[in-house]
Amino acid sequence: MMNNISMKRKVGDIIEGNLFIAWITEFERTNEELMYVQKNEYSRIDAVVEITEVINEFTYYAKNSIVDRDIILDMEKDMDLKKGDRIYIEGSLQIELEEYKERLGLLEDWKR
């Protein structure tokens, strides 16, 4: 709880934030369609994504089938990927809550 305002969510609440996939240690190039599989409501996700922008050797923006905007991929090692590469990855789906960052005064413009 911050500033005495509860951050608990209720069914039906809309949560705004930036999705990203972290803890990616390996990838495989593929020609498969964009897709994702997330089982048992855990953060683990398997996905096919397409690189749309290289931020640095560890961080990329990617087109995906999870949401209708690019998400960030946070690699654990240098993957040497290029724009247009379509890859299969396994990682952890996470969200950076804008509301939380706003309350801390840290909001960055990641909306794409």
C-alpha atoms as a PDB file:
ATOM      1  CA  MET A   1       0.000   0.000   0.000  1.00  0.00           C
ATOM      2  CA  MET A   2       1.366   3.413  -0.964  1.00  0.00           C
ATOM      3  CA  ASN A   3       0.079   6.806   0.178  1.00  0.00           C
ATOM      4  CA  ASN A   4      -2.641   4.930   2.112  1.00  0.00           C
ATOM      5  CA  ILE A   5      -4.296   3.950  -1.189  1.00  0.00           C
ATOM      6  CA  SER A   6      -4.893   0.222  -1.615  1.00  0.00           C
ATOM      7  CA  MET A   7      -3.467  -1.383  -4.771  1.00  0.00           C
ATOM      8  CA  LYS A   8      -5.715  -4.456  -4.472  1.00  0.00           C
ATOM      9  CA  ARG A   9      -7.577  -5.354  -7.660  1.00  0.00           C
ATOM     10  CA  LYS A  10     -11.161  -6.486  -8.091  1.00  0.00           C
ATOM     11  CA  VAL A  11     -12.620  -8.671 -10.816  1.00  0.00           C
ATOM     12  CA  GLY A  12     -13.319  -6.446 -13.808  1.00  0.00           C
ATOM     13  CA  ASP A  13     -10.648  -3.837 -12.988  1.00  0.00           C
ATOM     14  CA  ILE A  14      -8.655  -2.622 -15.977  1.00  0.00           C
ATOM     15  CA  ILE A  15      -4.917  -2.768 -15.425  1.00  0.00           C
ATOM     16  CA  GLU A  16      -2.659  -0.583 -17.567  1.00  0.00           C
ATOM     17  CA  GLY A  17       1.007  -1.324 -17.938  1.00  0.00           C
ATOM     18  CA  ASN A  18       3.766  -2.577 -20.168  1.00  0.00           C
ATOM     19  CA  LEU A  19       4.062  -6.288 -20.854  1.00  0.00           C
ATOM     20  CA  PHE A  20       7.479  -7.798 -21.267  1.00  0.00           C
ATOM     21  CA  ILE A  21       9.001 -11.241 -21.434  1.00  0.00           C
ATOM     22  CA  ALA A  22      12.042 -11.716 -19.197  1.00  0.00           C
ATOM     23  CA  TRP A  23      14.393 -14.565 -18.243  1.00  0.00           C
ATOM     24  CA  ILE A  24      14.880 -15.587 -21.894  1.00  0.00           C
ATOM     25  CA  THR A  25      18.040 -17.679 -22.078  1.00  0.00           C
ATOM     26  CA  GLU A  26      17.653 -19.376 -25.477  1.00  0.00           C
ATOM     27  CA  PHE A  27      15.768 -18.876 -28.736  1.00  0.00           C
ATOM     28  CA  GLU A  28      15.180 -20.724 -31.986  1.00  0.00           C
ATOM     29  CA  ARG A  29      14.646 -19.036 -35.359  1.00  0.00           C
ATOM     30  CA  THR A  30      11.379 -20.135 -36.966  1.00  0.00           C
ATOM     31  CA  ASN A  31       8.881 -19.392 -39.738  1.00  0.00           C
ATOM     32  CA  GLU A  32       5.906 -20.312 -37.534  1.00  0.00           C
ATOM     33  CA  GLU A  33       2.931 -17.964 -37.048  1.00  0.00           C
ATOM     34  CA  LEU A  34       2.966 -15.594 -34.084  1.00  0.00           C
ATOM     35  CA  MET A  35       1.565 -17.466 -31.076  1.00  0.00           C
ATOM     36  CA  TYR A  36       1.860 -17.962 -27.350  1.00  0.00           C
ATOM     37  CA  VAL A  37       1.054 -20.628 -24.771  1.00  0.00           C
ATOM     38  CA  GLN A  38       0.719 -19.931 -21.071  1.00  0.00           C
ATOM     39  CA  LYS A  39      -0.405 -22.809 -18.875  1.00  0.00           C
ATOM     40  CA  ASN A  40      -1.860 -22.942 -15.379  1.00  0.00           C
ATOM     41  CA  GLU A  41      -1.874 -19.158 -14.850  1.00  0.00           C
ATOM     42  CA  TYR A  42       1.870 -19.070 -14.112  1.00  0.00           C
ATOM     43  CA  SER A  43       4.199 -16.458 -15.553  1.00  0.00           C
ATOM     44  CA  ARG A  44       6.023 -18.985 -17.780  1.00  0.00           C
ATOM     45  CA  ILE A  45       5.247 -18.387 -21.441  1.00  0.00           C
ATOM     46  CA  ASP A  46       6.270 -20.008 -24.717  1.00  0.00           C
ATOM     47  CA  ALA A  47       5.882 -17.697 -27.715  1.00  0.00           C
ATOM     48  CA  VAL A  48       6.747 -17.008 -31.319  1.00  0.00           C
ATOM     49  CA  VAL A  49       7.482 -13.304 -31.793  1.00  0.00           C
ATOM     50  CA  GLU A  50       8.983 -11.085 -34.492  1.00  0.00           C
ATOM     51  CA  ILE A  51      11.712  -8.559 -33.693  1.00  0.00           C
ATOM     52  CA  THR A  52      10.602  -5.025 -34.639  1.00  0.00           C
ATOM     53  CA  GLU A  53      13.383  -3.002 -33.036  1.00  0.00           C
ATOM     54  CA  VAL A  54      16.787  -3.677 -31.512  1.00  0.00           C
ATOM     55  CA  ILE A  55      17.359  -1.566 -28.389  1.00  0.00           C
ATOM     56  CA  ASN A  56      20.667  -3.229 -27.475  1.00  0.00           C
ATOM     57  CA  GLU A  57      22.137  -6.743 -27.553  1.00  0.00           C
ATOM     58  CA  PHE A  58      19.935  -7.814 -24.611  1.00  0.00           C
ATOM     59  CA  THR A  59      16.708  -5.860 -25.204  1.00  0.00           C
ATOM     60  CA  TYR A  60      14.296  -5.876 -28.142  1.00  0.00           C
ATOM     61  CA  TYR A  61      10.790  -4.777 -29.095  1.00  0.00           C
ATOM     62  CA  ALA A  62       8.734  -7.580 -30.648  1.00  0.00           C
ATOM     63  CA  LYS A  63       5.455  -8.014 -32.497  1.00  0.00           C
ATOM     64  CA  ASN A  64       3.407 -10.718 -30.783  1.00  0.00           C
ATOM     65  CA  SER A  65      -0.013 -12.344 -30.524  1.00  0.00           C
ATOM     66  CA  ILE A  66      -0.502 -11.491 -26.832  1.00  0.00           C
ATOM     67  CA  VAL A  67      -1.464  -7.812 -27.223  1.00  0.00           C
ATOM     68  CA  ASP A  68      -1.878  -5.449 -30.160  1.00  0.00           C
ATOM     69  CA  ARG A  69       1.302  -3.477 -29.492  1.00  0.00           C
ATOM     70  CA  ASP A  70       4.964  -4.398 -29.336  1.00  0.00           C
ATOM     71  CA  ILE A  71       6.296  -5.890 -26.125  1.00  0.00           C
ATOM     72  CA  ILE A  72       9.790  -5.812 -24.706  1.00  0.00           C
ATOM     73  CA  LEU A  73      11.989  -8.908 -24.687  1.00  0.00           C
ATOM     74  CA  ASP A  74      14.625  -8.951 -21.955  1.00  0.00           C
ATOM     75  CA  MET A  75      17.308 -11.507 -22.840  1.00  0.00           C
ATOM     76  CA  GLU A  76      19.717 -12.970 -20.301  1.00  0.00           C
ATOM     77  CA  LYS A  77      22.621 -12.949 -22.768  1.00  0.00           C
ATOM     78  CA  ASP A  78      23.586 -11.403 -26.107  1.00  0.00           C
ATOM     79  CA  MET A  79      21.321 -13.023 -28.721  1.00  0.00           C
ATOM     80  CA  ASP A  80      22.512 -11.116 -31.838  1.00  0.00           C
ATOM     81  CA  LEU A  81      19.024 -10.720 -33.317  1.00  0.00           C
ATOM     82  CA  LYS A  82      17.991  -8.391 -36.132  1.00  0.00           C
ATOM     83  CA  LYS A  83      14.793  -6.580 -37.092  1.00  0.00           C
ATOM     84  CA  GLY A  84      12.478  -9.027 -38.871  1.00  0.00           C
ATOM     85  CA  ASP A  85      13.826 -12.156 -37.130  1.00  0.00           C
ATOM     86  CA  ARG A  86      10.985 -14.446 -36.073  1.00  0.00           C
ATOM     87  CA  ILE A  87      11.905 -16.531 -33.056  1.00  0.00           C
ATOM     88  CA  TYR A  88      10.500 -19.090 -30.624  1.00  0.00           C
ATOM     89  CA  ILE A  89      11.260 -18.185 -27.000  1.00  0.00           C
ATOM     90  CA  GLU A  90      10.523 -19.424 -23.494  1.00  0.00           C
ATOM     91  CA  GLY A  91      10.467 -16.928 -20.643  1.00  0.00           C
ATOM     92  CA  SER A  92       8.478 -15.218 -17.920  1.00  0.00           C
ATOM     93  CA  LEU A  93       5.570 -12.919 -18.864  1.00  0.00           C
ATOM     94  CA  GLN A  94       5.567  -9.866 -16.611  1.00  0.00           C
ATOM     95  CA  ILE A  95       3.872  -6.483 -16.403  1.00  0.00           C
ATOM     96  CA  GLU A  96       5.236  -3.146 -15.313  1.00  0.00           C
ATOM     97  CA  LEU A  97       2.250  -1.331 -13.828  1.00  0.00           C
ATOM     98  CA  GLU A  98       2.005   2.297 -14.905  1.00  0.00           C
ATOM     99  CA  GLU A  99      -0.084   3.127 -11.830  1.00  0.00           C
ATOM    100  CA  TYR A 100       2.660   1.861  -9.528  1.00  0.00           C
ATOM    101  CA  LYS A 101       5.430   3.732 -11.346  1.00  0.00           C
ATOM    102  CA  GLU A 102       3.296   6.880 -11.477  1.00  0.00           C
ATOM    103  CA  ARG A 103       2.882   6.784  -7.708  1.00  0.00           C
ATOM    104  CA  LEU A 104       6.643   6.488  -7.348  1.00  0.00           C
ATOM    105  CA  GLY A 105       7.243   9.263  -9.883  1.00  0.00           C
ATOM    106  CA  LEU A 106       9.024   6.908 -12.273  1.00  0.00           C
ATOM    107  CA  LEU A 107       6.581   6.714 -15.213  1.00  0.00           C
ATOM    108  CA  GLU A 108       8.371   6.324 -18.553  1.00  0.00           C
ATOM    109  CA  ASP A 109       6.708   6.531 -21.936  1.00  0.00           C
ATOM    110  CA  TRP A 110       6.909   2.914 -23.132  1.00  0.00           C
ATOM    111  CA  LYS A 111       3.596   3.062 -25.002  1.00  0.00           C
ATOM    112  CA  ARG A 112       4.112   2.080 -28.618  1.00  0.00           C
END
